[in-house]
Amino acid sequence: MHITLETDYAIRIVDLLAKNKEQTHIDGKTISESTGVSHRYALKILRKLVAGEIVKSYKGIYGGYELLKKPEEISLYDVVEIMEGGYKFSRCLDKDYDCSCNDGLPCAYQDVFGNITELVKEKLKLHKFG
């Protein structure tokens, strides 16, 4: 299982903003260059992080981005949840997914996949950016 490339980039962007010791906002171009994410894609990700209330944006010629929260208040899980809509180890854990792995009976693997999901979530929640 892999997180999406978009989520990987979002983690890089939040990490960069968390390590900003100058406590000033960083413009999109600098974020793009520092993280290796194309400018256009970085702006798309930043919009999601702003909507998820992790990042604050400043408009205008001197605009940019900074963390809305303290780095120690933001976990890897927070970023994954914003970017991916919540983590699930398998799609058979989705309520609307018709899992046909067990001839119409409840999925034989749902319990173990649910346990794995919870373990991963807890590990992601433990890692903070600060």
N, C-alpha and C. Protein backbone atom coordinates (compact mmCIF):
# COMPACT_ATOMS: atom_id res chain seq x y z
N MET A 1 0.85 -1.18 0.00
CA MET A 1 0.00 0.00 0.00
C MET A 1 0.89 1.24 0.00
N HIS A 2 0.49 2.19 -0.79
CA HIS A 2 1.21 3.46 -0.85
C HIS A 2 0.23 4.60 -0.65
N ILE A 3 0.71 5.66 -0.01
CA ILE A 3 -0.09 6.88 -0.03
C ILE A 3 0.06 7.46 -1.44
N THR A 4 -0.85 8.32 -1.82
CA THR A 4 -0.77 8.90 -3.15
C THR A 4 0.40 9.86 -3.24
N LEU A 5 0.84 10.13 -4.46
CA LEU A 5 1.92 11.09 -4.69
C LEU A 5 1.52 12.47 -4.16
N GLU A 6 0.26 12.82 -4.33
CA GLU A 6 -0.23 14.10 -3.85
C GLU A 6 -0.06 14.21 -2.32
N THR A 7 -0.37 13.15 -1.60
CA THR A 7 -0.21 13.15 -0.15
C THR A 7 1.26 13.20 0.23
N ASP A 8 2.10 12.48 -0.48
CA ASP A 8 3.54 12.54 -0.25
C ASP A 8 4.04 13.97 -0.39
N TYR A 9 3.62 14.65 -1.44
CA TYR A 9 4.01 16.05 -1.65
C TYR A 9 3.46 16.95 -0.56
N ALA A 10 2.23 16.69 -0.13
CA ALA A 10 1.62 17.51 0.94
C ALA A 10 2.43 17.38 2.22
N ILE A 11 2.90 16.19 2.52
CA ILE A 11 3.74 15.98 3.71
C ILE A 11 5.03 16.77 3.59
N ARG A 12 5.64 16.76 2.40
CA ARG A 12 6.87 17.54 2.18
C ARG A 12 6.61 19.04 2.39
N ILE A 13 5.49 19.51 1.89
CA ILE A 13 5.16 20.94 2.00
C ILE A 13 4.92 21.33 3.46
N VAL A 14 4.15 20.52 4.19
CA VAL A 14 3.90 20.82 5.60
C VAL A 14 5.21 20.75 6.38
N ASP A 15 6.07 19.79 6.06
CA ASP A 15 7.36 19.67 6.72
C ASP A 15 8.21 20.92 6.49
N LEU A 16 8.23 21.41 5.28
CA LEU A 16 8.97 22.64 4.96
C LEU A 16 8.44 23.81 5.77
N LEU A 17 7.13 23.96 5.80
CA LEU A 17 6.53 25.07 6.55
C LEU A 17 6.79 24.92 8.06
N ALA A 18 6.81 23.69 8.54
CA ALA A 18 7.06 23.44 9.97
C ALA A 18 8.50 23.79 10.35
N LYS A 19 9.40 23.61 9.42
CA LYS A 19 10.82 23.89 9.69
C LYS A 19 11.19 25.35 9.44
N ASN A 20 10.23 26.15 9.06
CA ASN A 20 10.47 27.56 8.80
C ASN A 20 10.69 28.30 10.12
N LYS A 21 11.92 28.47 10.48
CA LYS A 21 12.25 29.10 11.77
C LYS A 21 12.10 30.62 11.74
N GLU A 22 11.99 31.19 10.56
CA GLU A 22 11.84 32.65 10.45
C GLU A 22 10.44 33.11 10.80
N GLN A 23 9.51 32.16 10.92
CA GLN A 23 8.13 32.46 11.27
C GLN A 23 7.46 33.47 10.33
N THR A 24 7.88 33.48 9.09
CA THR A 24 7.23 34.30 8.08
C THR A 24 6.66 33.38 7.03
N HIS A 25 5.75 33.90 6.24
CA HIS A 25 5.16 33.05 5.22
C HIS A 25 6.14 32.87 4.05
N ILE A 26 5.94 31.76 3.33
CA ILE A 26 6.80 31.39 2.21
C ILE A 26 5.97 31.42 0.95
N ASP A 27 6.49 32.02 -0.10
CA ASP A 27 5.73 32.11 -1.35
C ASP A 27 5.67 30.75 -2.05
N GLY A 28 4.68 30.61 -2.92
CA GLY A 28 4.45 29.35 -3.62
C GLY A 28 5.63 28.88 -4.45
N LYS A 29 6.32 29.82 -5.09
CA LYS A 29 7.46 29.46 -5.93
C LYS A 29 8.58 28.85 -5.08
N THR A 30 8.85 29.45 -3.93
CA THR A 30 9.89 28.93 -3.04
C THR A 30 9.50 27.56 -2.51
N ILE A 31 8.24 27.39 -2.16
CA ILE A 31 7.75 26.08 -1.70
C ILE A 31 7.96 25.05 -2.79
N SER A 32 7.60 25.39 -4.00
CA SER A 32 7.75 24.49 -5.14
C SER A 32 9.21 24.10 -5.34
N GLU A 33 10.08 25.07 -5.38
CA GLU A 33 11.50 24.80 -5.60
C GLU A 33 12.12 24.01 -4.46
N SER A 34 11.74 24.30 -3.24
CA SER A 34 12.32 23.64 -2.07
C SER A 34 11.85 22.20 -1.89
N THR A 35 10.68 21.88 -2.40
CA THR A 35 10.12 20.54 -2.21
C THR A 35 10.21 19.67 -3.46
N GLY A 36 10.56 20.28 -4.59
CA GLY A 36 10.64 19.51 -5.83
C GLY A 36 9.28 19.21 -6.42
N VAL A 37 8.28 19.98 -6.05
CA VAL A 37 6.92 19.81 -6.56
C VAL A 37 6.68 20.93 -7.57
N SER A 38 6.09 20.61 -8.71
CA SER A 38 5.83 21.65 -9.69
C SER A 38 4.99 22.76 -9.06
N HIS A 39 5.20 23.98 -9.54
CA HIS A 39 4.51 25.13 -8.95
C HIS A 39 3.00 24.96 -8.99
N ARG A 40 2.50 24.56 -10.11
CA ARG A 40 1.05 24.40 -10.28
C ARG A 40 0.49 23.34 -9.32
N TYR A 41 1.20 22.21 -9.23
CA TYR A 41 0.74 21.13 -8.35
C TYR A 41 0.86 21.54 -6.89
N ALA A 42 1.92 22.25 -6.53
CA ALA A 42 2.08 22.72 -5.15
C ALA A 42 0.92 23.64 -4.76
N LEU A 43 0.52 24.52 -5.68
CA LEU A 43 -0.60 25.43 -5.39
C LEU A 43 -1.91 24.66 -5.19
N LYS A 44 -2.10 23.61 -5.97
CA LYS A 44 -3.30 22.76 -5.82
C LYS A 44 -3.30 22.10 -4.44
N ILE A 45 -2.16 21.58 -4.03
CA ILE A 45 -2.04 20.93 -2.73
C ILE A 45 -2.23 21.94 -1.61
N LEU A 46 -1.62 23.11 -1.76
CA LEU A 46 -1.74 24.16 -0.75
C LEU A 46 -3.20 24.59 -0.57
N ARG A 47 -3.97 24.63 -1.65
CA ARG A 47 -5.40 24.97 -1.53
C ARG A 47 -6.12 23.96 -0.64
N LYS A 48 -5.80 22.68 -0.81
CA LYS A 48 -6.41 21.65 0.03
C LYS A 48 -5.97 21.79 1.48
N LEU A 49 -4.71 22.11 1.70
CA LEU A 49 -4.22 22.27 3.07
C LEU A 49 -4.82 23.51 3.74
N VAL A 50 -5.07 24.54 2.95
CA VAL A 50 -5.76 25.73 3.47
C VAL A 50 -7.19 25.37 3.83
N ALA A 51 -7.89 24.67 2.94
CA ALA A 51 -9.27 24.25 3.21
C ALA A 51 -9.34 23.33 4.42
N GLY A 52 -8.28 22.54 4.64
CA GLY A 52 -8.22 21.63 5.78
C GLY A 52 -7.77 22.30 7.06
N GLU A 53 -7.54 23.59 6.99
CA GLU A 53 -7.18 24.42 8.15
C GLU A 53 -5.87 24.02 8.81
N ILE A 54 -4.91 23.62 7.98
CA ILE A 54 -3.55 23.37 8.47
C ILE A 54 -2.64 24.51 8.05
N VAL A 55 -2.93 25.09 6.88
CA VAL A 55 -2.10 26.14 6.32
C VAL A 55 -2.94 27.41 6.15
N LYS A 56 -2.28 28.54 6.34
CA LYS A 56 -2.91 29.84 6.13
C LYS A 56 -2.26 30.47 4.90
N SER A 57 -3.09 31.12 4.07
CA SER A 57 -2.54 31.77 2.88
C SER A 57 -2.66 33.28 3.00
N TYR A 58 -1.71 33.95 2.40
CA TYR A 58 -1.70 35.41 2.32
C TYR A 58 -1.73 35.78 0.85
N LYS A 59 -2.67 36.63 0.49
CA LYS A 59 -2.86 37.03 -0.91
C LYS A 59 -1.96 38.21 -1.26
N GLY A 60 -1.82 38.43 -2.55
CA GLY A 60 -1.13 39.62 -3.02
C GLY A 60 0.32 39.38 -3.41
N ILE A 61 0.97 40.45 -3.79
CA ILE A 61 2.34 40.38 -4.29
C ILE A 61 3.31 39.85 -3.24
N TYR A 62 3.04 40.13 -1.98
CA TYR A 62 3.89 39.63 -0.90
C TYR A 62 3.23 38.45 -0.19
N GLY A 63 2.35 37.77 -0.90
CA GLY A 63 1.61 36.66 -0.33
C GLY A 63 2.47 35.43 -0.12
N GLY A 64 1.87 34.44 0.44
CA GLY A 64 2.57 33.19 0.70
C GLY A 64 1.76 32.31 1.61
N TYR A 65 2.46 31.39 2.25
CA TYR A 65 1.81 30.38 3.08
C TYR A 65 2.60 30.16 4.36
N GLU A 66 1.86 29.86 5.42
CA GLU A 66 2.47 29.44 6.67
C GLU A 66 1.51 28.50 7.37
N LEU A 67 2.02 27.79 8.36
CA LEU A 67 1.15 26.90 9.12
C LEU A 67 0.15 27.69 9.93
N LEU A 68 -1.06 27.22 9.96
CA LEU A 68 -2.12 27.84 10.75
C LEU A 68 -2.02 27.38 12.21
N LYS A 69 -1.48 26.19 12.39
CA LYS A 69 -1.32 25.62 13.73
C LYS A 69 0.17 25.47 14.02
N LYS A 70 0.48 25.23 15.27
CA LYS A 70 1.87 24.94 15.66
C LYS A 70 2.24 23.57 15.10
N PRO A 71 3.50 23.39 14.67
CA PRO A 71 3.90 22.09 14.11
C PRO A 71 3.61 20.90 15.02
N GLU A 72 3.75 21.10 16.33
CA GLU A 72 3.50 20.00 17.26
C GLU A 72 2.02 19.67 17.42
N GLU A 73 1.16 20.46 16.80
CA GLU A 73 -0.28 20.19 16.82
C GLU A 73 -0.75 19.49 15.54
N ILE A 74 0.17 19.26 14.61
CA ILE A 74 -0.18 18.66 13.32
C ILE A 74 0.50 17.30 13.20
N SER A 75 -0.30 16.28 12.95
CA SER A 75 0.24 14.92 12.79
C SER A 75 0.24 14.52 11.32
N LEU A 76 0.99 13.48 11.03
CA LEU A 76 0.96 12.92 9.68
C LEU A 76 -0.46 12.50 9.32
N TYR A 77 -1.19 11.98 10.29
CA TYR A 77 -2.56 11.55 10.04
C TYR A 77 -3.42 12.72 9.59
N ASP A 78 -3.23 13.91 10.18
CA ASP A 78 -4.01 15.08 9.80
C ASP A 78 -3.84 15.37 8.31
N VAL A 79 -2.60 15.30 7.84
CA VAL A 79 -2.31 15.59 6.43
C VAL A 79 -2.91 14.49 5.54
N VAL A 80 -2.72 13.23 5.93
CA VAL A 80 -3.28 12.12 5.14
C VAL A 80 -4.80 12.24 5.05
N GLU A 81 -5.43 12.56 6.17
CA GLU A 81 -6.89 12.67 6.19
C GLU A 81 -7.38 13.78 5.25
N ILE A 82 -6.70 14.91 5.25
CA ILE A 82 -7.10 16.01 4.37
C ILE A 82 -6.91 15.63 2.91
N MET A 83 -5.79 15.01 2.61
CA MET A 83 -5.46 14.73 1.22
C MET A 83 -6.20 13.51 0.66
N GLU A 84 -6.43 12.51 1.50
CA GLU A 84 -7.00 11.26 1.00
C GLU A 84 -8.41 10.99 1.51
N GLY A 85 -8.91 11.86 2.38
CA GLY A 85 -10.25 11.64 2.90
C GLY A 85 -10.32 10.55 3.94
N GLY A 86 -9.26 10.33 4.65
CA GLY A 86 -9.22 9.28 5.66
C GLY A 86 -8.50 8.07 5.14
N TYR A 87 -7.82 7.39 6.01
CA TYR A 87 -7.03 6.23 5.61
C TYR A 87 -7.82 4.94 5.85
N LYS A 88 -7.83 4.07 4.87
CA LYS A 88 -8.37 2.72 4.99
C LYS A 88 -7.41 1.78 4.29
N PHE A 89 -7.07 0.70 4.94
CA PHE A 89 -6.14 -0.27 4.37
C PHE A 89 -6.70 -0.91 3.10
N SER A 90 -7.99 -1.13 3.07
CA SER A 90 -8.62 -1.80 1.92
C SER A 90 -9.96 -1.16 1.60
N ARG A 91 -10.30 -1.18 0.34
CA ARG A 91 -11.60 -0.61 -0.06
C ARG A 91 -12.76 -1.44 0.47
N CYS A 92 -12.51 -2.66 0.89
CA CYS A 92 -13.61 -3.47 1.43
C CYS A 92 -14.10 -2.90 2.76
N LEU A 93 -13.37 -1.94 3.32
CA LEU A 93 -13.82 -1.29 4.55
C LEU A 93 -14.79 -0.14 4.28
N ASP A 94 -14.93 0.26 3.02
CA ASP A 94 -15.90 1.29 2.66
C ASP A 94 -17.30 0.72 2.75
N LYS A 95 -18.21 1.47 3.34
CA LYS A 95 -19.59 0.99 3.51
C LYS A 95 -20.28 0.72 2.18
N ASP A 96 -19.96 1.51 1.16
CA ASP A 96 -20.64 1.38 -0.12
C ASP A 96 -19.97 0.41 -1.08
N TYR A 97 -18.87 -0.20 -0.67
CA TYR A 97 -18.16 -1.12 -1.56
C TYR A 97 -18.77 -2.50 -1.46
N ASP A 98 -19.06 -3.10 -2.62
CA ASP A 98 -19.63 -4.44 -2.67
C ASP A 98 -18.48 -5.44 -2.78
N CYS A 99 -18.09 -5.97 -1.64
CA CYS A 99 -16.98 -6.92 -1.60
C CYS A 99 -17.51 -8.31 -1.94
N SER A 100 -17.03 -8.87 -3.01
CA SER A 100 -17.52 -10.17 -3.43
C SER A 100 -16.45 -11.25 -3.24
N CYS A 101 -15.60 -11.07 -2.25
CA CYS A 101 -14.52 -12.04 -2.05
C CYS A 101 -14.98 -13.30 -1.33
N ASN A 102 -16.22 -13.30 -0.83
CA ASN A 102 -16.67 -14.43 -0.02
C ASN A 102 -18.07 -14.89 -0.42
N ASP A 103 -18.32 -14.91 -1.73
CA ASP A 103 -19.60 -15.38 -2.27
C ASP A 103 -20.82 -14.75 -1.61
N GLY A 104 -20.78 -13.42 -1.46
CA GLY A 104 -21.92 -12.69 -0.93
C GLY A 104 -21.99 -12.61 0.59
N LEU A 105 -21.17 -13.36 1.27
CA LEU A 105 -21.11 -13.30 2.72
C LEU A 105 -20.22 -12.12 3.12
N PRO A 106 -20.27 -11.72 4.39
CA PRO A 106 -19.38 -10.63 4.81
C PRO A 106 -17.92 -10.96 4.48
N CYS A 107 -17.18 -9.96 4.16
CA CYS A 107 -15.78 -10.13 3.77
C CYS A 107 -15.01 -10.87 4.87
N ALA A 108 -14.31 -11.91 4.47
CA ALA A 108 -13.56 -12.72 5.41
C ALA A 108 -12.34 -11.99 5.97
N TYR A 109 -11.94 -10.91 5.31
CA TYR A 109 -10.72 -10.20 5.69
C TYR A 109 -10.99 -8.84 6.34
N GLN A 110 -12.25 -8.49 6.44
CA GLN A 110 -12.61 -7.16 6.91
C GLN A 110 -12.09 -6.88 8.32
N ASP A 111 -12.16 -7.85 9.21
CA ASP A 111 -11.68 -7.64 10.58
C ASP A 111 -10.18 -7.36 10.61
N VAL A 112 -9.41 -8.17 9.93
CA VAL A 112 -7.95 -7.96 9.94
C VAL A 112 -7.59 -6.65 9.24
N PHE A 113 -8.27 -6.31 8.13
CA PHE A 113 -8.01 -5.05 7.46
C PHE A 113 -8.40 -3.86 8.34
N GLY A 114 -9.47 -4.01 9.10
CA GLY A 114 -9.88 -2.97 10.03
C GLY A 114 -8.85 -2.76 11.13
N ASN A 115 -8.30 -3.86 11.65
CA ASN A 115 -7.26 -3.77 12.68
C ASN A 115 -6.00 -3.11 12.14
N ILE A 116 -5.60 -3.48 10.94
CA ILE A 116 -4.42 -2.86 10.31
C ILE A 116 -4.65 -1.37 10.12
N THR A 117 -5.84 -1.02 9.67
CA THR A 117 -6.18 0.39 9.47
C THR A 117 -6.01 1.17 10.76
N GLU A 118 -6.52 0.64 11.85
CA GLU A 118 -6.43 1.35 13.14
C GLU A 118 -4.98 1.46 13.61
N LEU A 119 -4.18 0.42 13.40
CA LEU A 119 -2.76 0.48 13.79
C LEU A 119 -2.02 1.56 13.00
N VAL A 120 -2.27 1.62 11.71
CA VAL A 120 -1.62 2.62 10.87
C VAL A 120 -2.05 4.02 11.29
N LYS A 121 -3.34 4.21 11.52
CA LYS A 121 -3.84 5.52 11.96
C LYS A 121 -3.16 5.97 13.24
N GLU A 122 -3.05 5.05 14.21
CA GLU A 122 -2.43 5.40 15.49
C GLU A 122 -0.96 5.79 15.30
N LYS A 123 -0.23 5.07 14.45
CA LYS A 123 1.17 5.41 14.19
C LYS A 123 1.28 6.79 13.52
N LEU A 124 0.40 7.05 12.56
CA LEU A 124 0.42 8.35 11.88
C LEU A 124 0.09 9.49 12.84
N LYS A 125 -0.81 9.24 13.77
CA LYS A 125 -1.19 10.27 14.74
C LYS A 125 -0.06 10.57 15.72
N LEU A 126 0.81 9.61 15.97
CA LEU A 126 1.92 9.80 16.90
C LEU A 126 3.01 10.73 16.36
N HIS A 127 3.18 10.75 15.05
CA HIS A 127 4.25 11.58 14.48
C HIS A 127 3.74 12.99 14.23
N LYS A 128 4.35 13.94 14.93
CA LYS A 128 4.00 15.36 14.78
C LYS A 128 5.12 16.05 14.00
N PHE A 129 4.80 17.18 13.42
CA PHE A 129 5.78 17.91 12.62
C PHE A 129 6.70 18.80 13.46
N GLY A 130 6.42 18.90 14.74
CA GLY A 130 7.26 19.77 15.57
C GLY A 130 7.89 19.03 16.71
